[in-house]
Amino acid sequence: QVQLVESGGGLVQAGGSLRLSCAASARTFSGRAVGWFRRAPGKEREFVAAVTWSWSTTYYADSVKGRFTISRDFAKNTVYLQMSSLKPEDTALYYCAAGRLPVQNGTEYDYWGQGTQVTVSS
């Protein structure tokens, strides 16, 4: 059974940092792209960032470019989302997902985690 497990969320003040983790089996990530998405209360799900597992090519939403960094660790079968200079508008439930391509369309991803909450206070 494919399982993606997110961790690292929490409450942080504006300007602070958090690092989210997405762990899964090597089989789950192999040959796939891994994306981070978020959903704020009352809003649609939003693409945040993606990385290709094999080549480590990265993609970012304009809203997080320069503040967030996505990376992957082969040895730990984990994808990270390092978030810095956090803003209250970054508050959301953050999900990781695995799919064939590192695209912004969430429907293209096959597997999803349960999410981890990030709350940024002003």
PDB file of N, CA and C in Angstrom:
ATOM      1  N   GLN A   1       0.845  -1.192   0.000  1.00  0.00           N
ATOM      2  CA  GLN A   1       0.000   0.000   0.000  1.00  0.00           C
ATOM      3  C   GLN A   1       0.884   1.248   0.000  1.00  0.00           C
ATOM      4  N   VAL A   2       0.586   2.158  -0.931  1.00  0.00           N
ATOM      5  CA  VAL A   2       1.363   3.382  -1.027  1.00  0.00           C
ATOM      6  C   VAL A   2       0.954   4.325   0.092  1.00  0.00           C
ATOM      7  N   GLN A   3       1.955   4.874   0.742  1.00  0.00           N
ATOM      8  CA  GLN A   3       1.668   5.784   1.843  1.00  0.00           C
ATOM      9  C   GLN A   3       2.673   6.915   1.841  1.00  0.00           C
ATOM     10  N   LEU A   4       2.169   8.140   1.859  1.00  0.00           N
ATOM     11  CA  LEU A   4       3.005   9.319   2.001  1.00  0.00           C
ATOM     12  C   LEU A   4       2.679   9.934   3.354  1.00  0.00           C
ATOM     13  N   VAL A   5       3.708  10.247   4.108  1.00  0.00           N
ATOM     14  CA  VAL A   5       3.502  10.773   5.456  1.00  0.00           C
ATOM     15  C   VAL A   5       4.203  12.113   5.587  1.00  0.00           C
ATOM     16  N   GLU A   6       3.421  13.159   5.834  1.00  0.00           N
ATOM     17  CA  GLU A   6       3.987  14.489   6.028  1.00  0.00           C
ATOM     18  C   GLU A   6       4.215  14.743   7.522  1.00  0.00           C
ATOM     19  N   SER A   7       5.188  15.599   7.785  1.00  0.00           N
ATOM     20  CA  SER A   7       5.444  16.034   9.155  1.00  0.00           C
ATOM     21  C   SER A   7       6.145  17.380   9.111  1.00  0.00           C
ATOM     22  N   GLY A   8       6.230  18.017  10.265  1.00  0.00           N
ATOM     23  CA  GLY A   8       6.982  19.256  10.360  1.00  0.00           C
ATOM     24  C   GLY A   8       6.151  20.522  10.452  1.00  0.00           C
ATOM     25  N   GLY A   9       4.852  20.391  10.321  1.00  0.00           N
ATOM     26  CA  GLY A   9       4.016  21.575  10.424  1.00  0.00           C
ATOM     27  C   GLY A   9       3.975  22.108  11.847  1.00  0.00           C
ATOM     28  N   GLY A  10       3.390  23.292  12.001  1.00  0.00           N
ATOM     29  CA  GLY A  10       3.274  23.879  13.320  1.00  0.00           C
ATOM     30  C   GLY A  10       2.894  25.334  13.256  1.00  0.00           C
ATOM     31  N   LEU A  11       3.024  25.984  14.392  1.00  0.00           N
ATOM     32  CA  LEU A  11       2.717  27.407  14.514  1.00  0.00           C
ATOM     33  C   LEU A  11       4.020  28.193  14.551  1.00  0.00           C
ATOM     34  N   VAL A  12       4.099  29.215  13.722  1.00  0.00           N
ATOM     35  CA  VAL A  12       5.317  30.019  13.652  1.00  0.00           C
ATOM     36  C   VAL A  12       4.924  31.475  13.440  1.00  0.00           C
ATOM     37  N   GLN A  13       5.761  32.386  13.910  1.00  0.00           N
ATOM     38  CA  GLN A  13       5.496  33.799  13.694  1.00  0.00           C
ATOM     39  C   GLN A  13       5.906  34.211  12.282  1.00  0.00           C
ATOM     40  N   ALA A  14       5.297  35.253  11.811  1.00  0.00           N
ATOM     41  CA  ALA A  14       5.652  35.782  10.500  1.00  0.00           C
ATOM     42  C   ALA A  14       7.147  36.089  10.456  1.00  0.00           C
ATOM     43  N   GLY A  15       7.761  35.718   9.345  1.00  0.00           N
ATOM     44  CA  GLY A  15       9.202  35.883   9.192  1.00  0.00           C
ATOM     45  C   GLY A  15       9.998  34.665   9.602  1.00  0.00           C
ATOM     46  N   GLY A  16       9.340  33.710  10.244  1.00  0.00           N
ATOM     47  CA  GLY A  16      10.007  32.509  10.711  1.00  0.00           C
ATOM     48  C   GLY A  16      10.144  31.441   9.631  1.00  0.00           C
ATOM     49  N   SER A  17      10.633  30.285  10.054  1.00  0.00           N
ATOM     50  CA  SER A  17      10.897  29.188   9.123  1.00  0.00           C
ATOM     51  C   SER A  17      10.350  27.876   9.668  1.00  0.00           C
ATOM     52  N   LEU A  18      10.033  26.994   8.750  1.00  0.00           N
ATOM     53  CA  LEU A  18       9.652  25.629   9.065  1.00  0.00           C
ATOM     54  C   LEU A  18      10.180  24.720   7.971  1.00  0.00           C
ATOM     55  N   ARG A  19      10.413  23.471   8.310  1.00  0.00           N
ATOM     56  CA  ARG A  19      10.771  22.491   7.293  1.00  0.00           C
ATOM     57  C   ARG A  19       9.776  21.342   7.353  1.00  0.00           C
ATOM     58  N   LEU A  20       9.114  21.131   6.251  1.00  0.00           N
ATOM     59  CA  LEU A  20       8.179  20.023   6.125  1.00  0.00           C
ATOM     60  C   LEU A  20       8.886  18.820   5.510  1.00  0.00           C
ATOM     61  N   SER A  21       8.462  17.636   5.928  1.00  0.00           N
ATOM     62  CA  SER A  21       9.017  16.403   5.387  1.00  0.00           C
ATOM     63  C   SER A  21       7.898  15.551   4.815  1.00  0.00           C
ATOM     64  N   CYS A  22       8.223  14.827   3.771  1.00  0.00           N
ATOM     65  CA  CYS A  22       7.289  13.888   3.147  1.00  0.00           C
ATOM     66  C   CYS A  22       8.046  12.585   2.956  1.00  0.00           C
ATOM     67  N   ALA A  23       7.682  11.571   3.715  1.00  0.00           N
ATOM     68  CA  ALA A  23       8.371  10.293   3.663  1.00  0.00           C
ATOM     69  C   ALA A  23       7.512   9.244   2.986  1.00  0.00           C
ATOM     70  N   ALA A  24       8.164   8.381   2.229  1.00  0.00           N
ATOM     71  CA  ALA A  24       7.465   7.277   1.568  1.00  0.00           C
ATOM     72  C   ALA A  24       8.498   6.212   1.241  1.00  0.00           C
ATOM     73  N   SER A  25       8.047   5.127   0.681  1.00  0.00           N
ATOM     74  CA  SER A  25       8.979   4.085   0.294  1.00  0.00           C
ATOM     75  C   SER A  25       9.735   4.503  -0.957  1.00  0.00           C
ATOM     76  N   ALA A  26      10.899   3.907  -1.152  1.00  0.00           N
ATOM     77  CA  ALA A  26      11.676   4.210  -2.354  1.00  0.00           C
ATOM     78  C   ALA A  26      10.890   3.847  -3.605  1.00  0.00           C
ATOM     79  N   ARG A  27      10.107   2.808  -3.505  1.00  0.00           N
ATOM     80  CA  ARG A  27       9.307   2.383  -4.653  1.00  0.00           C
ATOM     81  C   ARG A  27       8.275   3.451  -5.031  1.00  0.00           C
ATOM     82  N   THR A  28       7.749   4.130  -4.045  1.00  0.00           N
ATOM     83  CA  THR A  28       6.742   5.153  -4.314  1.00  0.00           C
ATOM     84  C   THR A  28       7.344   6.324  -5.071  1.00  0.00           C
ATOM     85  N   PHE A  29       8.541   6.733  -4.677  1.00  0.00           N
ATOM     86  CA  PHE A  29       9.134   7.919  -5.280  1.00  0.00           C
ATOM     87  C   PHE A  29       9.890   7.626  -6.567  1.00  0.00           C
ATOM     88  N   SER A  30      10.383   6.425  -6.723  1.00  0.00           N
ATOM     89  CA  SER A  30      11.243   6.116  -7.854  1.00  0.00           C
ATOM     90  C   SER A  30      10.570   6.427  -9.183  1.00  0.00           C
ATOM     91  N   GLY A  31      11.254   7.236 -10.013  1.00  0.00           N
ATOM     92  CA  GLY A  31      10.732   7.567 -11.331  1.00  0.00           C
ATOM     93  C   GLY A  31       9.586   8.550 -11.333  1.00  0.00           C
ATOM     94  N   ARG A  32       9.237   9.077 -10.180  1.00  0.00           N
ATOM     95  CA  ARG A  32       8.105  10.006 -10.095  1.00  0.00           C
ATOM     96  C   ARG A  32       8.566  11.401  -9.722  1.00  0.00           C
ATOM     97  N   ALA A  33       7.636  12.325  -9.817  1.00  0.00           N
ATOM     98  CA  ALA A  33       7.802  13.671  -9.296  1.00  0.00           C
ATOM     99  C   ALA A  33       7.044  13.756  -7.973  1.00  0.00           C
ATOM    100  N   VAL A  34       7.537  14.588  -7.100  1.00  0.00           N
ATOM    101  CA  VAL A  34       6.869  14.797  -5.817  1.00  0.00           C
ATOM    102  C   VAL A  34       6.540  16.274  -5.689  1.00  0.00           C
ATOM    103  N   GLY A  35       5.305  16.553  -5.383  1.00  0.00           N
ATOM    104  CA  GLY A  35       4.867  17.936  -5.270  1.00  0.00           C
ATOM    105  C   GLY A  35       4.343  18.251  -3.881  1.00  0.00           C
ATOM    106  N   TRP A  36       4.416  19.526  -3.570  1.00  0.00           N
ATOM    107  CA  TRP A  36       3.768  20.043  -2.365  1.00  0.00           C
ATOM    108  C   TRP A  36       2.629  20.955  -2.805  1.00  0.00           C
ATOM    109  N   PHE A  37       1.508  20.774  -2.164  1.00  0.00           N
ATOM    110  CA  PHE A  37       0.325  21.599  -2.404  1.00  0.00           C
ATOM    111  C   PHE A  37      -0.168  22.116  -1.060  1.00  0.00           C
ATOM    112  N   ARG A  38      -1.028  23.105  -1.115  1.00  0.00           N
ATOM    113  CA  ARG A  38      -1.610  23.601   0.126  1.00  0.00           C
ATOM    114  C   ARG A  38      -3.042  24.029  -0.110  1.00  0.00           C
ATOM    115  N   ARG A  39      -3.811  23.973   0.971  1.00  0.00           N
ATOM    116  CA  ARG A  39      -5.192  24.434   0.910  1.00  0.00           C
ATOM    117  C   ARG A  39      -5.466  25.277   2.136  1.00  0.00           C
ATOM    118  N   ALA A  40      -5.748  26.535   1.897  1.00  0.00           N
ATOM    119  CA  ALA A  40      -6.119  27.445   2.978  1.00  0.00           C
ATOM    120  C   ALA A  40      -7.634  27.393   3.178  1.00  0.00           C
ATOM    121  N   PRO A  41      -8.111  27.719   4.372  1.00  0.00           N
ATOM    122  CA  PRO A  41      -9.554  27.676   4.619  1.00  0.00           C
ATOM    123  C   PRO A  41     -10.327  28.524   3.613  1.00  0.00           C
ATOM    124  N   GLY A  42     -11.321  27.923   2.995  1.00  0.00           N
ATOM    125  CA  GLY A  42     -12.160  28.642   2.056  1.00  0.00           C
ATOM    126  C   GLY A  42     -11.543  28.870   0.694  1.00  0.00           C
ATOM    127  N   LYS A  43     -10.379  28.269   0.445  1.00  0.00           N
ATOM    128  CA  LYS A  43      -9.718  28.473  -0.840  1.00  0.00           C
ATOM    129  C   LYS A  43      -9.493  27.146  -1.547  1.00  0.00           C
ATOM    130  N   GLU A  44      -9.185  27.248  -2.834  1.00  0.00           N
ATOM    131  CA  GLU A  44      -8.885  26.066  -3.614  1.00  0.00           C
ATOM    132  C   GLU A  44      -7.487  25.547  -3.280  1.00  0.00           C
ATOM    133  N   ARG A  45      -7.286  24.262  -3.566  1.00  0.00           N
ATOM    134  CA  ARG A  45      -5.951  23.690  -3.418  1.00  0.00           C
ATOM    135  C   ARG A  45      -4.992  24.406  -4.365  1.00  0.00           C
ATOM    136  N   GLU A  46      -3.784  24.659  -3.893  1.00  0.00           N
ATOM    137  CA  GLU A  46      -2.816  25.457  -4.634  1.00  0.00           C
ATOM    138  C   GLU A  46      -1.488  24.721  -4.737  1.00  0.00           C
ATOM    139  N   PHE A  47      -0.910  24.732  -5.921  1.00  0.00           N
ATOM    140  CA  PHE A  47       0.422  24.169  -6.120  1.00  0.00           C
ATOM    141  C   PHE A  47       1.449  25.041  -5.416  1.00  0.00           C
ATOM    142  N   VAL A  48       2.421  24.404  -4.771  1.00  0.00           N
ATOM    143  CA  VAL A  48       3.478  25.137  -4.090  1.00  0.00           C
ATOM    144  C   VAL A  48       4.824  24.884  -4.753  1.00  0.00           C
ATOM    145  N   ALA A  49       5.205  23.625  -4.872  1.00  0.00           N
ATOM    146  CA  ALA A  49       6.511  23.287  -5.439  1.00  0.00           C
ATOM    147  C   ALA A  49       6.517  21.823  -5.839  1.00  0.00           C
ATOM    148  N   ALA A  50       7.463  21.464  -6.713  1.00  0.00           N
ATOM    149  CA  ALA A  50       7.613  20.076  -7.124  1.00  0.00           C
ATOM    150  C   ALA A  50       9.068  19.803  -7.449  1.00  0.00           C
ATOM    151  N   VAL A  51       9.432  18.525  -7.341  1.00  0.00           N
ATOM    152  CA  VAL A  51      10.793  18.096  -7.662  1.00  0.00           C
ATOM    153  C   VAL A  51      10.709  16.747  -8.349  1.00  0.00           C
ATOM    154  N   THR A  52      11.572  16.550  -9.334  1.00  0.00           N
ATOM    155  CA  THR A  52      11.659  15.242  -9.965  1.00  0.00           C
ATOM    156  C   THR A  52      12.602  14.388  -9.135  1.00  0.00           C
ATOM    157  N   TRP A  53      12.188  13.157  -8.870  1.00  0.00           N
ATOM    158  CA  TRP A  53      12.972  12.307  -7.968  1.00  0.00           C
ATOM    159  C   TRP A  53      14.328  11.966  -8.580  1.00  0.00           C
ATOM    160  N   SER A  54      14.354  11.702  -9.873  1.00  0.00           N
ATOM    161  CA  SER A  54      15.589  11.235 -10.501  1.00  0.00           C
ATOM    162  C   SER A  54      16.591  12.352 -10.725  1.00  0.00           C
ATOM    163  N   TRP A  55      16.127  13.493 -11.189  1.00  0.00           N
ATOM    164  CA  TRP A  55      17.029  14.562 -11.609  1.00  0.00           C
ATOM    165  C   TRP A  55      17.064  15.761 -10.688  1.00  0.00           C
ATOM    166  N   SER A  56      16.178  15.763  -9.712  1.00  0.00           N
ATOM    167  CA  SER A  56      16.142  16.856  -8.745  1.00  0.00           C
ATOM    168  C   SER A  56      15.864  18.212  -9.401  1.00  0.00           C
ATOM    169  N   THR A  57      15.138  18.198 -10.490  1.00  0.00           N
ATOM    170  CA  THR A  57      14.713  19.454 -11.107  1.00  0.00           C
ATOM    171  C   THR A  57      13.553  20.011 -10.282  1.00  0.00           C
ATOM    172  N   THR A  58      13.594  21.305 -10.026  1.00  0.00           N
ATOM    173  CA  THR A  58      12.604  21.897  -9.117  1.00  0.00           C
ATOM    174  C   THR A  58      11.719  22.921  -9.814  1.00  0.00           C
ATOM    175  N   TYR A  59      10.524  23.072  -9.304  1.00  0.00           N
ATOM    176  CA  TYR A  59       9.528  24.010  -9.827  1.00  0.00           C
ATOM    177  C   TYR A  59       8.827  24.666  -8.636  1.00  0.00           C
ATOM    178  N   TYR A  60       8.503  25.945  -8.792  1.00  0.00           N
ATOM    179  CA  TYR A  60       7.890  26.684  -7.690  1.00  0.00           C
ATOM    180  C   TYR A  60       6.744  27.557  -8.182  1.00  0.00           C
ATOM    181  N   ALA A  61       5.775  27.730  -7.320  1.00  0.00           N
ATOM    182  CA  ALA A  61       4.753  28.738  -7.573  1.00  0.00           C
ATOM    183  C   ALA A  61       5.387  30.114  -7.373  1.00  0.00           C
ATOM    184  N   ASP A  62       4.917  31.084  -8.111  1.00  0.00           N
ATOM    185  CA  ASP A  62       5.476  32.433  -7.995  1.00  0.00           C
ATOM    186  C   ASP A  62       5.359  32.974  -6.581  1.00  0.00           C
ATOM    187  N   SER A  63       4.317  32.579  -5.888  1.00  0.00           N
ATOM    188  CA  SER A  63       4.057  33.116  -4.550  1.00  0.00           C
ATOM    189  C   SER A  63       5.084  32.666  -3.505  1.00  0.00           C
ATOM    190  N   VAL A  64       5.816  31.602  -3.811  1.00  0.00           N
ATOM    191  CA  VAL A  64       6.788  31.095  -2.829  1.00  0.00           C
ATOM    192  C   VAL A  64       8.217  31.132  -3.342  1.00  0.00           C
ATOM    193  N   LYS A  65       8.384  31.499  -4.605  1.00  0.00           N
ATOM    194  CA  LYS A  65       9.716  31.506  -5.202  1.00  0.00           C
ATOM    195  C   LYS A  65      10.637  32.439  -4.416  1.00  0.00           C
ATOM    196  N   GLY A  66      11.822  31.938  -4.085  1.00  0.00           N
ATOM    197  CA  GLY A  66      12.771  32.737  -3.321  1.00  0.00           C
ATOM    198  C   GLY A  66      12.627  32.574  -1.820  1.00  0.00           C
ATOM    199  N   ARG A  67      11.507  31.995  -1.388  1.00  0.00           N
ATOM    200  CA  ARG A  67      11.294  31.792   0.049  1.00  0.00           C
ATOM    201  C   ARG A  67      11.269  30.307   0.428  1.00  0.00           C
ATOM    202  N   PHE A  68      10.774  29.470  -0.462  1.00  0.00           N
ATOM    203  CA  PHE A  68      10.665  28.038  -0.210  1.00  0.00           C
ATOM    204  C   PHE A  68      11.674  27.286  -1.068  1.00  0.00           C
ATOM    205  N   THR A  69      12.164  26.172  -0.523  1.00  0.00           N
ATOM    206  CA  THR A  69      13.085  25.314  -1.266  1.00  0.00           C
ATOM    207  C   THR A  69      12.642  23.865  -1.115  1.00  0.00           C
ATOM    208  N   ILE A  70      12.454  23.196  -2.238  1.00  0.00           N
ATOM    209  CA  ILE A  70      12.109  21.780  -2.216  1.00  0.00           C
ATOM    210  C   ILE A  70      13.357  20.968  -2.533  1.00  0.00           C
ATOM    211  N   SER A  71      13.508  19.853  -1.838  1.00  0.00           N
ATOM    212  CA  SER A  71      14.669  18.997  -2.076  1.00  0.00           C
ATOM    213  C   SER A  71      14.302  17.565  -1.741  1.00  0.00           C
ATOM    214  N   ARG A  72      15.135  16.627  -2.175  1.00  0.00           N
ATOM    215  CA  ARG A  72      14.875  15.221  -1.865  1.00  0.00           C
ATOM    216  C   ARG A  72      16.152  14.548  -1.388  1.00  0.00           C
ATOM    217  N   ASP A  73      15.957  13.548  -0.527  1.00  0.00           N
ATOM    218  CA  ASP A  73      17.053  12.797   0.056  1.00  0.00           C
ATOM    219  C   ASP A  73      16.855  11.333  -0.316  1.00  0.00           C
ATOM    220  N   PHE A  74      17.707  10.834  -1.215  1.00  0.00           N
ATOM    221  CA  PHE A  74      17.588   9.444  -1.653  1.00  0.00           C
ATOM    222  C   PHE A  74      17.684   8.478  -0.480  1.00  0.00           C
ATOM    223  N   ALA A  75      18.673   8.700   0.358  1.00  0.00           N
ATOM    224  CA  ALA A  75      18.949   7.743   1.425  1.00  0.00           C
ATOM    225  C   ALA A  75      17.778   7.605   2.387  1.00  0.00           C
ATOM    226  N   LYS A  76      17.044   8.688   2.586  1.00  0.00           N
ATOM    227  CA  LYS A  76      15.940   8.674   3.543  1.00  0.00           C
ATOM    228  C   LYS A  76      14.576   8.559   2.871  1.00  0.00           C
ATOM    229  N   ASN A  77      14.565   8.495   1.540  1.00  0.00           N
ATOM    230  CA  ASN A  77      13.285   8.439   0.806  1.00  0.00           C
ATOM    231  C   ASN A  77      12.342   9.540   1.297  1.00  0.00           C
ATOM    232  N   THR A  78      12.878  10.712   1.351  1.00  0.00           N
ATOM    233  CA  THR A  78      12.135  11.839   1.913  1.00  0.00           C
ATOM    234  C   THR A  78      12.290  13.069   1.018  1.00  0.00           C
ATOM    235  N   VAL A  79      11.210  13.800   0.886  1.00  0.00           N
ATOM    236  CA  VAL A  79      11.224  15.089   0.193  1.00  0.00           C
ATOM    237  C   VAL A  79      10.943  16.169   1.236  1.00  0.00           C
ATOM    238  N   TYR A  80      11.707  17.240   1.152  1.00  0.00           N
ATOM    239  CA  TYR A  80      11.585  18.325   2.119  1.00  0.00           C
ATOM    240  C   TYR A  80      11.052  19.587   1.450  1.00  0.00           C
ATOM    241  N   LEU A  81      10.376  20.383   2.253  1.00  0.00           N
ATOM    242  CA  LEU A  81       9.997  21.723   1.824  1.00  0.00           C
ATOM    243  C   LEU A  81      10.479  22.679   2.915  1.00  0.00           C
ATOM    244  N   GLN A  82      11.573  23.348   2.636  1.00  0.00           N
ATOM    245  CA  GLN A  82      12.111  24.346   3.562  1.00  0.00           C
ATOM    246  C   GLN A  82      11.403  25.666   3.295  1.00  0.00           C
ATOM    247  N   MET A  83      10.737  26.177   4.310  1.00  0.00           N
ATOM    248  CA  MET A  83       9.959  27.405   4.156  1.00  0.00           C
ATOM    249  C   MET A  83      10.565  28.494   5.026  1.00  0.00           C
ATOM    250  N   SER A  84      10.901  29.598   4.415  1.00  0.00           N
ATOM    251  CA  SER A  84      11.497  30.724   5.133  1.00  0.00           C
ATOM    252  C   SER A  84      10.696  31.981   4.847  1.00  0.00           C
ATOM    253  N   SER A  85      10.958  33.022   5.650  1.00  0.00           N
ATOM    254  CA  SER A  85      10.239  34.299   5.491  1.00  0.00           C
ATOM    255  C   SER A  85       8.739  34.061   5.389  1.00  0.00           C
ATOM    256  N   LEU A  86       8.235  33.254   6.285  1.00  0.00           N
ATOM    257  CA  LEU A  86       6.828  32.881   6.225  1.00  0.00           C
ATOM    258  C   LEU A  86       5.915  34.076   6.478  1.00  0.00           C
ATOM    259  N   LYS A  87       4.781  34.045   5.784  1.00  0.00           N
ATOM    260  CA  LYS A  87       3.792  35.116   5.879  1.00  0.00           C
ATOM    261  C   LYS A  87       2.466  34.531   6.375  1.00  0.00           C
ATOM    262  N   PRO A  88       1.624  35.331   6.972  1.00  0.00           N
ATOM    263  CA  PRO A  88       0.310  34.819   7.391  1.00  0.00           C
ATOM    264  C   PRO A  88      -0.461  34.167   6.256  1.00  0.00           C
ATOM    265  N   GLU A  89      -0.284  34.650   5.038  1.00  0.00           N
ATOM    266  CA  GLU A  89      -1.003  34.059   3.905  1.00  0.00           C
ATOM    267  C   GLU A  89      -0.466  32.693   3.508  1.00  0.00           C
ATOM    268  N   ASP A  90       0.625  32.249   4.122  1.00  0.00           N
ATOM    269  CA  ASP A  90       1.112  30.885   3.894  1.00  0.00           C
ATOM    270  C   ASP A  90       0.377  29.875   4.769  1.00  0.00           C
ATOM    271  N   THR A  91      -0.453  30.350   5.669  1.00  0.00           N
ATOM    272  CA  THR A  91      -1.214  29.457   6.540  1.00  0.00           C
ATOM    273  C   THR A  91      -2.108  28.554   5.709  1.00  0.00           C
ATOM    274  N   ALA A  92      -1.971  27.245   5.905  1.00  0.00           N
ATOM    275  CA  ALA A  92      -2.734  26.274   5.120  1.00  0.00           C
ATOM    276  C   ALA A  92      -2.413  24.872   5.603  1.00  0.00           C
ATOM    277  N   LEU A  93      -3.176  23.931   5.102  1.00  0.00           N
ATOM    278  CA  LEU A  93      -2.851  22.516   5.260  1.00  0.00           C
ATOM    279  C   LEU A  93      -1.987  22.132   4.066  1.00  0.00           C
ATOM    280  N   TYR A  94      -0.808  21.647   4.344  1.00  0.00           N
ATOM    281  CA  TYR A  94       0.154  21.332   3.294  1.00  0.00           C
ATOM    282  C   TYR A  94       0.172  19.820   3.045  1.00  0.00           C
ATOM    283  N   TYR A  95       0.083  19.464   1.769  1.00  0.00           N
ATOM    284  CA  TYR A  95       0.061  18.067   1.359  1.00  0.00           C
ATOM    285  C   TYR A  95       1.248  17.782   0.444  1.00  0.00           C
ATOM    286  N   CYS A  96       1.784  16.583   0.516  1.00  0.00           N
ATOM    287  CA  CYS A  96       2.701  16.142  -0.518  1.00  0.00           C
ATOM    288  C   CYS A  96       1.994  15.089  -1.369  1.00  0.00           C
ATOM    289  N   ALA A  97       2.451  14.986  -2.601  1.00  0.00           N
ATOM    290  CA  ALA A  97       1.825  14.070  -3.543  1.00  0.00           C
ATOM    291  C   ALA A  97       2.881  13.548  -4.502  1.00  0.00           C
ATOM    292  N   ALA A  98       2.672  12.352  -5.013  1.00  0.00           N
ATOM    293  CA  ALA A  98       3.598  11.746  -5.963  1.00  0.00           C
ATOM    294  C   ALA A  98       2.859  11.471  -7.269  1.00  0.00           C
ATOM    295  N   GLY A  99       3.504  11.826  -8.364  1.00  0.00           N
ATOM    296  CA  GLY A  99       2.882  11.639  -9.663  1.00  0.00           C
ATOM    297  C   GLY A  99       3.916  11.463 -10.747  1.00  0.00           C
ATOM    298  N   ARG A 100       3.440  11.329 -11.963  1.00  0.00           N
ATOM    299  CA  ARG A 100       4.346  11.042 -13.064  1.00  0.00           C
ATOM    300  C   ARG A 100       5.168  12.263 -13.464  1.00  0.00           C
ATOM    301  N   LEU A 101       4.535  13.450 -13.425  1.00  0.00           N
ATOM    302  CA  LEU A 101       5.205  14.667 -13.888  1.00  0.00           C
ATOM    303  C   LEU A 101       5.122  15.754 -12.820  1.00  0.00           C
ATOM    304  N   PRO A 102       6.101  16.660 -12.778  1.00  0.00           N
ATOM    305  CA  PRO A 102       6.105  17.742 -11.779  1.00  0.00           C
ATOM    306  C   PRO A 102       5.250  18.929 -12.212  1.00  0.00           C
ATOM    307  N   VAL A 103       3.953  18.687 -12.341  1.00  0.00           N
ATOM    308  CA  VAL A 103       3.059  19.708 -12.868  1.00  0.00           C
ATOM    309  C   VAL A 103       2.276  20.379 -11.751  1.00  0.00           C
ATOM    310  N   GLN A 104       1.641  21.484 -12.088  1.00  0.00           N
ATOM    311  CA  GLN A 104       0.881  22.236 -11.100  1.00  0.00           C
ATOM    312  C   GLN A 104      -0.522  21.696 -10.899  1.00  0.00           C
ATOM    313  N   ASN A 105      -0.975  20.900 -11.840  1.00  0.00           N
ATOM    314  CA  ASN A 105      -2.319  20.346 -11.756  1.00  0.00           C
ATOM    315  C   ASN A 105      -2.351  19.161 -10.799  1.00  0.00           C
ATOM    316  N   GLY A 106      -3.005  19.324  -9.685  1.00  0.00           N
ATOM    317  CA  GLY A 106      -3.028  18.280  -8.673  1.00  0.00           C
ATOM    318  C   GLY A 106      -3.686  16.987  -9.122  1.00  0.00           C
ATOM    319  N   THR A 107      -4.546  17.062 -10.125  1.00  0.00           N
ATOM    320  CA  THR A 107      -5.219  15.846 -10.591  1.00  0.00           C
ATOM    321  C   THR A 107      -4.263  14.894 -11.291  1.00  0.00           C
ATOM    322  N   GLU A 108      -3.078  15.373 -11.633  1.00  0.00           N
ATOM    323  CA  GLU A 108      -2.084  14.537 -12.294  1.00  0.00           C
ATOM    324  C   GLU A 108      -1.269  13.709 -11.309  1.00  0.00           C
ATOM    325  N   TYR A 109      -1.499  13.891 -10.025  1.00  0.00           N
ATOM    326  CA  TYR A 109      -0.745  13.153  -9.021  1.00  0.00           C
ATOM    327  C   TYR A 109      -1.556  11.949  -8.561  1.00  0.00           C
ATOM    328  N   ASP A 110      -0.878  10.840  -8.352  1.00  0.00           N
ATOM    329  CA  ASP A 110      -1.557   9.586  -8.053  1.00  0.00           C
ATOM    330  C   ASP A 110      -1.735   9.332  -6.561  1.00  0.00           C
ATOM    331  N   TYR A 111      -0.773   9.775  -5.771  1.00  0.00           N
ATOM    332  CA  TYR A 111      -0.776   9.440  -4.347  1.00  0.00           C
ATOM    333  C   TYR A 111      -0.641  10.710  -3.518  1.00  0.00           C
ATOM    334  N   TRP A 112      -1.374  10.746  -2.410  1.00  0.00           N
ATOM    335  CA  TRP A 112      -1.399  11.925  -1.558  1.00  0.00           C
ATOM    336  C   TRP A 112      -1.227  11.544  -0.097  1.00  0.00           C
ATOM    337  N   GLY A 113      -0.585  12.454   0.633  1.00  0.00           N
ATOM    338  CA  GLY A 113      -0.528  12.288   2.075  1.00  0.00           C
ATOM    339  C   GLY A 113      -1.741  12.903   2.741  1.00  0.00           C
ATOM    340  N   GLN A 114      -1.763  12.840   4.061  1.00  0.00           N
ATOM    341  CA  GLN A 114      -2.903  13.343   4.830  1.00  0.00           C
ATOM    342  C   GLN A 114      -2.798  14.825   5.139  1.00  0.00           C
ATOM    343  N   GLY A 115      -1.614  15.373   5.006  1.00  0.00           N
ATOM    344  CA  GLY A 115      -1.425  16.801   5.228  1.00  0.00           C
ATOM    345  C   GLY A 115      -0.851  17.131   6.591  1.00  0.00           C
ATOM    346  N   THR A 116      -0.198  18.278   6.657  1.00  0.00           N
ATOM    347  CA  THR A 116       0.335  18.808   7.907  1.00  0.00           C
ATOM    348  C   THR A 116       0.004  20.300   7.961  1.00  0.00           C
ATOM    349  N   GLN A 117      -0.479  20.748   9.110  1.00  0.00           N
ATOM    350  CA  GLN A 117      -0.958  22.123   9.220  1.00  0.00           C
ATOM    351  C   GLN A 117       0.182  23.088   9.485  1.00  0.00           C
ATOM    352  N   VAL A 118       0.197  24.169   8.733  1.00  0.00           N
ATOM    353  CA  VAL A 118       1.138  25.269   8.960  1.00  0.00           C
ATOM    354  C   VAL A 118       0.322  26.510   9.275  1.00  0.00           C
ATOM    355  N   THR A 119       0.609  27.122  10.400  1.00  0.00           N
ATOM    356  CA  THR A 119      -0.071  28.346  10.808  1.00  0.00           C
ATOM    357  C   THR A 119       0.964  29.425  11.077  1.00  0.00           C
ATOM    358  N   VAL A 120       0.817  30.543  10.376  1.00  0.00           N
ATOM    359  CA  VAL A 120       1.760  31.655  10.523  1.00  0.00           C
ATOM    360  C   VAL A 120       1.012  32.815  11.162  1.00  0.00           C
ATOM    361  N   SER A 121       1.468  33.225  12.334  1.00  0.00           N
ATOM    362  CA  SER A 121       0.811  34.321  13.041  1.00  0.00           C
ATOM    363  C   SER A 121       1.476  35.647  12.695  1.00  0.00           C
ATOM    364  N   SER A 122       0.668  36.694  12.705  1.00  0.00           N
ATOM    365  CA  SER A 122       1.204  38.017  12.347  1.00  0.00           C
ATOM    366  C   SER A 122       1.744  38.747  13.550  1.00  0.00           C
TER     367      SER A 122
END
